[in-house]
Amino acid sequence: MVTFVDEVTLHLKAGSGGNGCVSVRREKFKPLAGPDGGNGGDGGDIVLVSDPQTTTLLAYHFSQHRKSENGGFGMGDMRHGHKGQTMELPVPVGTVIKDPSGEVLADFSEPGMRFIVAPGGQGGLGNAALASQKRKAPGFALLGTEGWEGDVVLELKTLADVALVGYPSAGKSSLIAAISAARPKIADYPFTTLHPNLGVVQAGDVRYTVADVPGLIEGASEGRGLGLEFLRHIERCTALVHVLDCATLEPGRDPLSDLEVIRAELANYEVPEGQVPLLERPQIVVLNKIDVPEAEELAEFVRADIEALGYRVFEVSTVARRGLRELTYALGEIVEHQRVTSPVEAPAERVIIRPKGSEKDFTIVKEGGSYGTFFRIRGEKPERWVKQTDFNNEEAVGYLADRFEKIGVEDALYRAGATPGATVVVGDEDMVFDWDPSLTSVAELTQAPRGTDPRLEGNRRRTTTERRDAYKARQDARTIERALEEERRLARQDDDGEEYLGAGE
């Protein structure tokens, strides 16, 4: 049985960056020749590539978890860690990448397009890269950051010039097999086609592709049958061909009623913003199976009514191969006209990102209530710096304070109303600490053993675990107080109700 997958969710984990190295070069007669710790390597990215040789998402349906390589750790003697290998995932042309909320991240409409869907983590700097004239031998290094981790949705939308639409068993698969080299499954029962089939048609000097879409039934745009899952494959088609079965034996069906139902379903289907609605695109009606005598009579009977609706009508028999040449040339004219008249889209302008030194790199928001307030710092740089800091190393903590002071975090906390000892949270509760405004960049001017910071001596500072526990305790107390307040409010409502009933008696 052929399996076709047109939507799949990928669980991705990009490689993490390697940690930097703390090392001091030692030679004969030179016991301390300077820092030589190498940098950690960046984690590998996960990149999606539109590949014309890939036609289905089936490979990702059975293997949805993908992880790229981590970066290597830095080592002594200026040996940098290796960079994680980039993982490239080929997807069919016509694939749309979305996040779990449905927002479109990329649309692969052409071959060779690339999109970094999961960037790898950044490698940490070794102590050799952190050395300066004021800090000649750093006793710390930066940690590597985690790579991106999350889910993305891949949705395949077939790229074709013409789409064949109609009821199940209307003869769409037989028609595409007759006008192209496609060999779809053909049988005498409904819903034989379970996935779109593509065929290439040559009509004179015009070459175009035709898609055989699985059969539509009434209510397809609302989820009935297979129509809702595969209507998306019609979105990118230039023209539509209504294939009507003139030899159906089902009661209550005829070409006119079938056409009315299919048109209603196409009208109810919402195309993405910026695309032409389905019923406003060029359309042709094919009266199929006229090799049956009764079907030929019915086709002649309904032809005038369909033409009165503004459609070009072609009577076709795939068995007797009647009307196929006229149909293919008519479709070629429509496709060629659309290619000539369609505006040529200019290539997308390359986006150049330039650093802006004057632009604020962070925000500070005062949060909390009667059970204690705290200040939350958000920003790409502060959050990344916290993840790169080894909080078991005093010198590394002092270096983090220096970095915060240089971008203006100290002044911003003063303006936000923070006082010494105030609770500060960086990011989404990743790091909670007490603010000490005495930690300024003067540490670079002091002489102290490597791995220590004199600003942290003689002043018992709570550990990260203690600060986090105190922060969570305040949050738990607030939750308990809210629950008690809700119980008191419900009790007051019950008392008011009993007094009202007593007054009524």
Foldseek 3Di string as FASTA:
>chain_A
DDDADFKDKAWEFWAWWAWWAAAADCDVVCGGPFTFIAWWAWTAFEKEFAAQVADGPVVCRVPRYDYWHYWAYTDGPHRYTHHTHHHYDYDHQQKWKAAPVGHTDDGRNDHGDMDRPKGTWHIKGYQRVVADPLRGRAQDIWGIGTIDTGMMMIGHAAAWAEEEAFAFPLCLQLLLVLQFVWHADDDRDGQSDPAKTKGWGDQPPFITIYIYFHYDDACLCVPPDCNVSGVSNCQNYQEYEYRGELPDPDPPDHRVVRVVRVVVSQQSHDHDPPGDRHVPHHYAYEQEDVVDVSSVVSCVVCVVVVVVVVHHYFYAYSVVGPRSSVVSNVSRVSSVVCVVPPDDDDPDDDDDDDDDLVDQFWDWDWDDDPLAIAIEIEGDVLVVLVNGADLVFASSVLVSQAVCVVSPVLVNCVVVPDDFQGWYAYDPNPFIFTDHSVSYPCQSNDDDDHRHTVVPPPDDGDDRVVRSVVVVVSVVVVVVVVVVVVVVVVVVVVVVVVVVVVVVD
